Amino acid sequence: MSSDTPETKGQPGFAEAALFGLCPECGARTLFDGVAQFAPKCSSCGLDYSKFNVGDGPAGFLTLIIGGLIVGLALWLEVSLAPPFWVHAMLWIPLTAAAVLIGLRAAKAALLFAEYSRNARETGSQDL
C-alpha cells in the first residue's frame, strides 16, 4: 500500500535518497558529480543543488564517529591478538578511507534531502 500524495509522488524516501544519492525532487541518481561532490543540478528535473547549504557538518561528525570506532577496534585487535604493525596498516587505513567516503556521501545526501523536504533556507534569505 502506497502513501504517495500528489505532492510526494516520485520522491524517494529519506534513507534511500541518502544511500544512493538520489535527487530529492525526482528520484534520479544525479546528486553526485564526483566521489563526494554534489553535481551543480539534477540532469533529469533541473533542481539546482547549489542553493542547498550542507556545509562541513557531516565531515566533522564523521571524523569523530569513524575515528572513535576505528581506534576502538584497533585497540581491541592489539590487546586481543597483538598482530604486527603492518597488519594494522593494511587493515585500518583502507577501512577508514572507505568508511569516510561512503559515510560522507550518505551524510551529505541526507542533509540535502532534509533541507529539501523541510524547505530550509538561509537566515535572511529573500526567497520566501
Protein backbone atom coordinates (compact mmCIF):
# COMPACT_ATOMS: atom_id res chain seq x y z
CA MET A 1 0.00 0.00 0.00
CA SER A 2 1.49 3.33 -1.06
CA SER A 3 1.04 6.56 0.85
CA ASP A 4 2.07 8.79 -2.06
CA THR A 5 0.23 12.07 -2.20
CA PRO A 6 0.28 14.22 -5.32
CA GLU A 7 2.98 16.38 -3.66
CA THR A 8 5.30 13.44 -2.83
CA LYS A 9 4.70 11.11 -5.79
CA GLY A 10 8.02 10.12 -7.35
CA GLN A 11 10.13 11.44 -4.48
CA PRO A 12 12.46 8.92 -2.81
CA GLY A 13 12.41 8.08 0.87
CA PHE A 14 14.98 9.61 3.23
CA ALA A 15 17.17 6.50 3.68
CA GLU A 16 17.02 5.54 0.01
CA ALA A 17 17.98 9.06 -1.11
CA ALA A 18 20.89 9.18 1.34
CA LEU A 19 22.30 5.76 0.48
CA PHE A 20 22.03 6.02 -3.30
CA GLY A 21 22.49 9.76 -3.92
CA LEU A 22 19.01 10.31 -5.33
CA CYS A 23 17.60 13.66 -6.33
CA PRO A 24 15.04 14.68 -3.69
CA GLU A 25 12.75 16.09 -6.39
CA CYS A 26 12.54 13.29 -8.97
CA GLY A 27 14.48 10.33 -7.50
CA ALA A 28 17.12 10.12 -10.26
CA ARG A 29 20.70 9.14 -9.31
CA THR A 30 22.07 12.57 -10.18
CA LEU A 31 23.01 14.04 -6.79
CA PHE A 32 26.76 13.50 -7.00
CA ASP A 33 29.22 14.56 -9.70
CA GLY A 34 32.25 13.01 -8.00
CA VAL A 35 33.12 10.84 -5.03
CA ALA A 36 31.55 13.22 -2.50
CA GLN A 37 30.93 16.36 -4.57
CA PHE A 38 27.44 17.48 -5.47
CA ALA A 39 26.50 17.95 -9.10
CA PRO A 40 25.51 21.54 -9.96
CA LYS A 41 21.92 20.48 -10.74
CA CYS A 42 19.82 17.43 -11.48
CA SER A 43 20.12 16.42 -15.11
CA SER A 44 16.60 14.93 -15.04
CA CYS A 45 14.41 17.57 -13.40
CA GLY A 46 16.78 20.56 -13.24
CA LEU A 47 16.72 21.00 -9.43
CA ASP A 48 19.57 23.37 -8.51
CA TYR A 49 21.65 21.65 -5.81
CA SER A 50 23.83 24.73 -5.26
CA LYS A 51 21.03 26.51 -3.37
CA PHE A 52 21.32 24.00 -0.51
CA ASN A 53 23.83 24.70 2.26
CA VAL A 54 25.13 21.36 3.51
CA GLY A 55 28.40 22.79 4.83
CA ASP A 56 31.06 20.85 6.74
CA GLY A 57 28.82 19.40 9.44
CA PRO A 58 28.84 15.85 8.03
CA ALA A 59 32.63 15.82 7.75
CA GLY A 60 33.11 16.91 11.35
CA PHE A 61 30.73 14.33 12.77
CA LEU A 62 32.14 11.57 10.59
CA THR A 63 35.68 12.37 11.72
CA LEU A 64 34.68 11.93 15.33
CA ILE A 65 32.43 8.91 14.92
CA ILE A 66 34.54 6.90 12.47
CA GLY A 67 37.77 7.87 14.20
CA GLY A 68 36.42 6.68 17.54
CA LEU A 69 35.20 3.40 16.07
CA ILE A 70 38.47 2.68 14.23
CA VAL A 71 40.62 3.50 17.27
CA GLY A 72 38.42 1.31 19.46
CA LEU A 73 38.61 -1.60 17.02
CA ALA A 74 42.37 -1.19 16.56
CA LEU A 75 42.92 -1.20 20.32
CA TRP A 76 40.73 -4.27 20.72
CA LEU A 77 42.68 -6.09 17.99
CA GLU A 78 46.03 -5.09 19.52
CA VAL A 79 45.06 -6.22 23.00
CA SER A 80 43.44 -9.49 21.95
CA LEU A 81 45.77 -10.69 19.15
CA ALA A 82 48.83 -8.38 19.19
CA PRO A 83 49.40 -8.52 15.40
CA PRO A 84 52.44 -6.88 13.77
CA PHE A 85 52.20 -3.22 12.80
CA TRP A 86 51.79 -3.96 9.09
CA VAL A 87 48.53 -5.82 9.81
CA HIS A 88 47.15 -2.70 11.45
CA ALA A 89 48.26 -0.55 8.49
CA MET A 90 46.82 -2.93 5.89
CA LEU A 91 43.54 -3.23 7.78
CA TRP A 92 42.73 0.19 9.22
CA ILE A 93 43.93 2.59 6.51
CA PRO A 94 41.69 1.22 3.72
CA LEU A 95 38.81 0.63 6.13
CA THR A 96 38.99 4.21 7.39
CA ALA A 97 39.16 5.66 3.87
CA ALA A 98 36.21 3.56 2.68
CA ALA A 99 34.11 4.36 5.75
CA VAL A 100 34.75 8.10 5.41
CA LEU A 101 33.94 8.22 1.69
CA ILE A 102 30.78 6.11 1.96
CA GLY A 103 29.70 7.87 5.13
CA LEU A 104 30.37 11.33 3.74
CA ARG A 105 28.29 10.66 0.63
CA ALA A 106 25.41 9.32 2.71
CA ALA A 107 25.60 12.13 5.30
CA LYS A 108 25.76 14.90 2.70
CA ALA A 109 22.88 13.38 0.74
CA ALA A 110 20.82 13.00 3.93
CA LEU A 111 21.41 16.63 4.91
CA LEU A 112 20.49 17.90 1.44
CA PHE A 113 17.36 15.73 1.42
CA ALA A 114 16.39 17.03 4.88
CA GLU A 115 16.85 20.64 3.76
CA TYR A 116 14.77 20.00 0.65
CA SER A 117 11.94 18.21 2.44
CA ARG A 118 11.71 20.93 5.11
CA ASN A 119 12.11 23.77 2.58
CA ALA A 120 15.01 25.14 4.68
CA ARG A 121 16.54 28.49 3.75
CA GLU A 122 19.49 30.60 4.90
CA THR A 123 18.70 33.15 7.60
CA GLY A 124 17.90 36.47 5.97
CA SER A 125 17.19 34.82 2.62
CA GLN A 126 14.92 36.74 0.30
CA ASP A 127 13.43 33.50 -1.09
CA LEU A 128 10.13 33.17 0.75
